Amino acid sequence: MQNFGNIMKQAKKMQERMMELHEELAGKTVEATAGGGMVAVTVNGKFEILSLRIEKEVVNPEDVEMLQDLIIAAVNEGIRKAQEMSASEMAKITGGMQIPGLT
C-alpha cells in the first residue's frame, strides 16, 4: 500500500510539472520558412501563430495560389517544429514514456 502512495505522489508531482511546462512552452517559439525564406512564420509552444512575414517579391496578383501554398507550407512546418519542441520538453518530464494526450 505504501508503494501505491508513493506512485500517486510521483504522478501528482509529474502532473504539476507538466502543467508548468505547458505555461513555459507558451513563451517558447520556433520559426519556419518556405520559398527560400520568402514566407516566415513564428509559432509558440501552444501551437499559436505569433507572426507571419511575407516578402513583397513573392506577392504576385497573377499567382495567388503560389503565395497560398507558401503560407500553408510555412505554417505546417512551424506547427511541426512546435510539436517537436513540445514533445522534446515533455520527454524530459516523462523520461521518454509516450503518454497519450500529453503532447
N, C-alpha and C. Protein backbone atom coordinates (compact mmCIF):
# COMPACT_ATOMS: atom_id res chain seq x y z
N MET A 1 0.83 -1.19 0.00
CA MET A 1 0.00 0.00 0.00
C MET A 1 0.88 1.26 0.00
N GLN A 2 2.03 1.15 0.67
CA GLN A 2 2.95 2.28 0.73
C GLN A 2 3.48 2.62 -0.66
N ASN A 3 3.76 1.59 -1.48
CA ASN A 3 4.22 1.83 -2.85
C ASN A 3 3.18 2.57 -3.67
N PHE A 4 1.91 2.23 -3.47
CA PHE A 4 0.84 2.90 -4.19
C PHE A 4 0.80 4.38 -3.82
N GLY A 5 0.99 4.68 -2.54
CA GLY A 5 1.03 6.08 -2.09
C GLY A 5 2.17 6.84 -2.74
N ASN A 6 3.33 6.19 -2.85
CA ASN A 6 4.48 6.82 -3.49
C ASN A 6 4.23 7.05 -4.98
N ILE A 7 3.61 6.08 -5.62
CA ILE A 7 3.29 6.22 -7.04
C ILE A 7 2.34 7.38 -7.25
N MET A 8 1.35 7.50 -6.39
CA MET A 8 0.38 8.60 -6.51
C MET A 8 1.06 9.95 -6.30
N LYS A 9 1.98 10.03 -5.34
CA LYS A 9 2.72 11.27 -5.11
C LYS A 9 3.55 11.63 -6.34
N GLN A 10 4.20 10.63 -6.90
CA GLN A 10 5.02 10.88 -8.09
C GLN A 10 4.16 11.32 -9.27
N ALA A 11 3.00 10.68 -9.42
CA ALA A 11 2.09 11.05 -10.51
C ALA A 11 1.60 12.48 -10.34
N LYS A 12 1.28 12.87 -9.11
CA LYS A 12 0.81 14.23 -8.85
C LYS A 12 1.92 15.23 -9.15
N LYS A 13 3.13 14.90 -8.74
CA LYS A 13 4.27 15.79 -8.99
C LYS A 13 4.51 15.92 -10.51
N MET A 14 4.41 14.80 -11.24
CA MET A 14 4.59 14.83 -12.68
C MET A 14 3.50 15.68 -13.33
N GLN A 15 2.27 15.53 -12.86
CA GLN A 15 1.16 16.31 -13.41
C GLN A 15 1.38 17.80 -13.18
N GLU A 16 1.84 18.17 -11.99
CA GLU A 16 2.12 19.58 -11.69
C GLU A 16 3.23 20.11 -12.59
N ARG A 17 4.25 19.30 -12.80
CA ARG A 17 5.37 19.72 -13.64
C ARG A 17 4.92 19.88 -15.10
N MET A 18 4.04 19.01 -15.55
CA MET A 18 3.54 19.12 -16.92
C MET A 18 2.70 20.38 -17.10
N MET A 19 1.94 20.75 -16.10
CA MET A 19 1.16 21.99 -16.18
C MET A 19 2.11 23.19 -16.26
N GLU A 20 3.18 23.17 -15.47
CA GLU A 20 4.17 24.23 -15.53
C GLU A 20 4.81 24.28 -16.92
N LEU A 21 5.10 23.11 -17.47
CA LEU A 21 5.74 23.04 -18.78
C LEU A 21 4.84 23.64 -19.85
N HIS A 22 3.54 23.38 -19.79
CA HIS A 22 2.63 23.96 -20.78
C HIS A 22 2.69 25.48 -20.74
N GLU A 23 2.81 26.05 -19.56
CA GLU A 23 2.95 27.50 -19.45
C GLU A 23 4.28 27.98 -20.00
N GLU A 24 5.35 27.23 -19.71
CA GLU A 24 6.66 27.59 -20.23
C GLU A 24 6.69 27.54 -21.75
N LEU A 25 6.04 26.52 -22.32
CA LEU A 25 6.03 26.36 -23.77
C LEU A 25 5.34 27.53 -24.47
N ALA A 26 4.40 28.15 -23.79
CA ALA A 26 3.72 29.31 -24.38
C ALA A 26 4.71 30.43 -24.66
N GLY A 27 5.79 30.48 -23.89
CA GLY A 27 6.79 31.53 -24.07
C GLY A 27 7.92 31.14 -25.01
N LYS A 28 7.96 29.89 -25.45
CA LYS A 28 9.00 29.44 -26.37
C LYS A 28 8.46 29.49 -27.79
N THR A 29 9.33 29.82 -28.73
CA THR A 29 8.89 29.93 -30.12
C THR A 29 9.83 29.18 -31.06
N VAL A 30 9.29 28.87 -32.22
CA VAL A 30 10.08 28.33 -33.33
C VAL A 30 9.73 29.14 -34.56
N GLU A 31 10.64 29.18 -35.52
CA GLU A 31 10.37 29.87 -36.77
C GLU A 31 10.54 28.88 -37.91
N ALA A 32 9.67 28.99 -38.88
CA ALA A 32 9.75 28.15 -40.08
C ALA A 32 9.58 29.05 -41.29
N THR A 33 10.19 28.63 -42.39
CA THR A 33 10.11 29.41 -43.62
C THR A 33 9.73 28.52 -44.79
N ALA A 34 9.30 29.16 -45.85
CA ALA A 34 9.02 28.48 -47.11
C ALA A 34 9.44 29.40 -48.24
N GLY A 35 9.68 28.81 -49.39
CA GLY A 35 10.06 29.62 -50.56
C GLY A 35 11.39 30.30 -50.36
N GLY A 36 12.33 29.60 -49.74
CA GLY A 36 13.65 30.19 -49.53
C GLY A 36 13.63 31.39 -48.61
N GLY A 37 12.70 31.40 -47.66
CA GLY A 37 12.62 32.49 -46.70
C GLY A 37 11.67 33.60 -47.11
N MET A 38 10.99 33.42 -48.23
CA MET A 38 10.06 34.45 -48.69
C MET A 38 8.83 34.56 -47.80
N VAL A 39 8.48 33.45 -47.15
CA VAL A 39 7.38 33.44 -46.18
C VAL A 39 7.94 32.84 -44.90
N ALA A 40 7.74 33.53 -43.78
CA ALA A 40 8.23 33.05 -42.49
C ALA A 40 7.11 33.14 -41.47
N VAL A 41 7.08 32.15 -40.59
CA VAL A 41 6.05 32.11 -39.55
C VAL A 41 6.73 31.80 -38.22
N THR A 42 6.22 32.42 -37.15
CA THR A 42 6.68 32.13 -35.81
C THR A 42 5.51 31.51 -35.05
N VAL A 43 5.79 30.35 -34.42
CA VAL A 43 4.77 29.60 -33.70
C VAL A 43 5.27 29.37 -32.29
N ASN A 44 4.37 29.50 -31.30
CA ASN A 44 4.79 29.22 -29.93
C ASN A 44 4.50 27.77 -29.56
N GLY A 45 4.89 27.39 -28.35
CA GLY A 45 4.73 26.02 -27.88
C GLY A 45 3.30 25.62 -27.63
N LYS A 46 2.37 26.56 -27.73
CA LYS A 46 0.94 26.24 -27.63
C LYS A 46 0.33 26.12 -29.02
N PHE A 47 1.19 26.10 -30.04
CA PHE A 47 0.82 25.95 -31.44
C PHE A 47 0.00 27.13 -31.95
N GLU A 48 0.29 28.31 -31.42
CA GLU A 48 -0.36 29.54 -31.87
C GLU A 48 0.59 30.28 -32.80
N ILE A 49 0.08 30.80 -33.89
CA ILE A 49 0.90 31.59 -34.81
C ILE A 49 1.03 32.99 -34.23
N LEU A 50 2.27 33.39 -33.97
CA LEU A 50 2.53 34.70 -33.38
C LEU A 50 2.82 35.75 -34.44
N SER A 51 3.45 35.32 -35.52
CA SER A 51 3.73 36.29 -36.58
C SER A 51 3.84 35.56 -37.92
N LEU A 52 3.57 36.32 -38.96
CA LEU A 52 3.66 35.84 -40.33
C LEU A 52 4.28 36.96 -41.14
N ARG A 53 5.40 36.65 -41.82
CA ARG A 53 6.08 37.65 -42.64
C ARG A 53 6.09 37.17 -44.07
N ILE A 54 5.69 38.07 -44.98
CA ILE A 54 5.68 37.76 -46.41
C ILE A 54 6.50 38.83 -47.12
N GLU A 55 7.52 38.41 -47.84
CA GLU A 55 8.34 39.35 -48.61
C GLU A 55 7.54 39.87 -49.81
N LYS A 56 7.72 41.15 -50.11
CA LYS A 56 6.99 41.78 -51.22
C LYS A 56 7.19 41.05 -52.54
N GLU A 57 8.39 40.54 -52.75
CA GLU A 57 8.72 39.92 -54.03
C GLU A 57 7.85 38.70 -54.35
N VAL A 58 7.29 38.07 -53.34
CA VAL A 58 6.51 36.85 -53.56
C VAL A 58 5.03 37.16 -53.81
N VAL A 59 4.63 38.40 -53.60
CA VAL A 59 3.23 38.79 -53.81
C VAL A 59 3.02 39.11 -55.29
N ASN A 60 2.31 38.23 -55.96
CA ASN A 60 2.03 38.40 -57.38
C ASN A 60 0.53 38.19 -57.58
N PRO A 61 -0.21 39.24 -57.89
CA PRO A 61 -1.66 39.10 -58.07
C PRO A 61 -2.04 38.07 -59.12
N GLU A 62 -1.12 37.78 -60.05
CA GLU A 62 -1.39 36.81 -61.11
C GLU A 62 -1.19 35.37 -60.64
N ASP A 63 -0.57 35.19 -59.45
CA ASP A 63 -0.28 33.83 -58.96
C ASP A 63 -0.55 33.75 -57.46
N VAL A 64 -1.76 34.01 -57.07
CA VAL A 64 -2.16 33.97 -55.66
C VAL A 64 -2.00 32.56 -55.10
N GLU A 65 -2.22 31.55 -55.93
CA GLU A 65 -2.13 30.16 -55.46
C GLU A 65 -0.74 29.83 -54.94
N MET A 66 0.30 30.36 -55.58
CA MET A 66 1.66 30.10 -55.11
C MET A 66 1.86 30.69 -53.72
N LEU A 67 1.39 31.90 -53.50
CA LEU A 67 1.51 32.54 -52.18
C LEU A 67 0.75 31.74 -51.14
N GLN A 68 -0.44 31.29 -51.49
CA GLN A 68 -1.22 30.47 -50.56
C GLN A 68 -0.47 29.19 -50.20
N ASP A 69 0.13 28.55 -51.19
CA ASP A 69 0.90 27.32 -50.95
C ASP A 69 2.09 27.58 -50.03
N LEU A 70 2.77 28.71 -50.25
CA LEU A 70 3.93 29.04 -49.40
C LEU A 70 3.49 29.30 -47.96
N ILE A 71 2.39 29.98 -47.78
CA ILE A 71 1.89 30.25 -46.43
C ILE A 71 1.53 28.94 -45.74
N ILE A 72 0.82 28.08 -46.44
CA ILE A 72 0.44 26.78 -45.86
C ILE A 72 1.69 25.98 -45.50
N ALA A 73 2.67 25.96 -46.38
CA ALA A 73 3.90 25.21 -46.12
C ALA A 73 4.62 25.75 -44.89
N ALA A 74 4.73 27.06 -44.78
CA ALA A 74 5.42 27.67 -43.64
C ALA A 74 4.67 27.40 -42.34
N VAL A 75 3.36 27.54 -42.36
CA VAL A 75 2.56 27.30 -41.15
C VAL A 75 2.66 25.84 -40.73
N ASN A 76 2.53 24.92 -41.68
CA ASN A 76 2.63 23.50 -41.33
C ASN A 76 4.00 23.14 -40.77
N GLU A 77 5.04 23.70 -41.34
CA GLU A 77 6.39 23.45 -40.84
C GLU A 77 6.55 24.05 -39.44
N GLY A 78 6.00 25.23 -39.21
CA GLY A 78 6.07 25.84 -37.89
C GLY A 78 5.36 25.00 -36.84
N ILE A 79 4.19 24.50 -37.18
CA ILE A 79 3.46 23.64 -36.25
C ILE A 79 4.23 22.36 -35.98
N ARG A 80 4.81 21.77 -37.02
CA ARG A 80 5.60 20.55 -36.84
C ARG A 80 6.78 20.80 -35.90
N LYS A 81 7.48 21.93 -36.09
CA LYS A 81 8.61 22.26 -35.23
C LYS A 81 8.16 22.50 -33.79
N ALA A 82 7.02 23.16 -33.62
CA ALA A 82 6.50 23.40 -32.27
C ALA A 82 6.11 22.09 -31.60
N GLN A 83 5.55 21.16 -32.36
CA GLN A 83 5.21 19.86 -31.81
C GLN A 83 6.46 19.10 -31.38
N GLU A 84 7.50 19.17 -32.19
CA GLU A 84 8.77 18.52 -31.83
C GLU A 84 9.34 19.13 -30.56
N MET A 85 9.30 20.47 -30.47
CA MET A 85 9.80 21.15 -29.28
C MET A 85 9.01 20.71 -28.06
N SER A 86 7.70 20.66 -28.18
CA SER A 86 6.84 20.27 -27.08
C SER A 86 7.12 18.83 -26.66
N ALA A 87 7.23 17.93 -27.63
CA ALA A 87 7.49 16.52 -27.33
C ALA A 87 8.85 16.35 -26.65
N SER A 88 9.83 17.11 -27.11
CA SER A 88 11.17 17.03 -26.51
C SER A 88 11.16 17.49 -25.06
N GLU A 89 10.47 18.59 -24.79
CA GLU A 89 10.38 19.09 -23.42
C GLU A 89 9.57 18.13 -22.54
N MET A 90 8.52 17.56 -23.08
CA MET A 90 7.68 16.63 -22.33
C MET A 90 8.47 15.37 -21.99
N ALA A 91 9.32 14.92 -22.92
CA ALA A 91 10.12 13.71 -22.69
C ALA A 91 11.05 13.89 -21.50
N LYS A 92 11.47 15.13 -21.24
CA LYS A 92 12.33 15.39 -20.08
C LYS A 92 11.58 15.09 -18.78
N ILE A 93 10.28 15.29 -18.79
CA ILE A 93 9.47 15.06 -17.59
C ILE A 93 9.06 13.59 -17.46
N THR A 94 8.67 13.00 -18.58
CA THR A 94 8.13 11.65 -18.56
C THR A 94 9.21 10.58 -18.71
N GLY A 95 10.44 11.00 -18.87
CA GLY A 95 11.51 10.03 -19.04
C GLY A 95 11.44 9.31 -20.37
N GLY A 96 10.79 9.93 -21.34
CA GLY A 96 10.68 9.34 -22.66
C GLY A 96 9.46 8.46 -22.85
N MET A 97 8.69 8.24 -21.78
CA MET A 97 7.48 7.43 -21.91
C MET A 97 6.48 8.18 -22.78
N GLN A 98 5.85 7.48 -23.69
CA GLN A 98 4.82 8.07 -24.54
C GLN A 98 3.48 7.96 -23.80
N ILE A 99 2.99 9.06 -23.29
CA ILE A 99 1.72 9.08 -22.57
C ILE A 99 0.69 9.75 -23.46
N PRO A 100 -0.33 9.01 -23.91
CA PRO A 100 -1.31 9.59 -24.83
C PRO A 100 -1.95 10.86 -24.28
N GLY A 101 -2.12 11.85 -25.16
CA GLY A 101 -2.81 13.08 -24.80
C GLY A 101 -1.95 14.14 -24.13
N LEU A 102 -0.65 13.89 -23.97
CA LEU A 102 0.18 14.87 -23.27
C LEU A 102 0.92 15.80 -24.20
N THR A 103 1.04 15.46 -25.47
CA THR A 103 1.75 16.35 -26.37
C THR A 103 0.86 16.79 -27.49
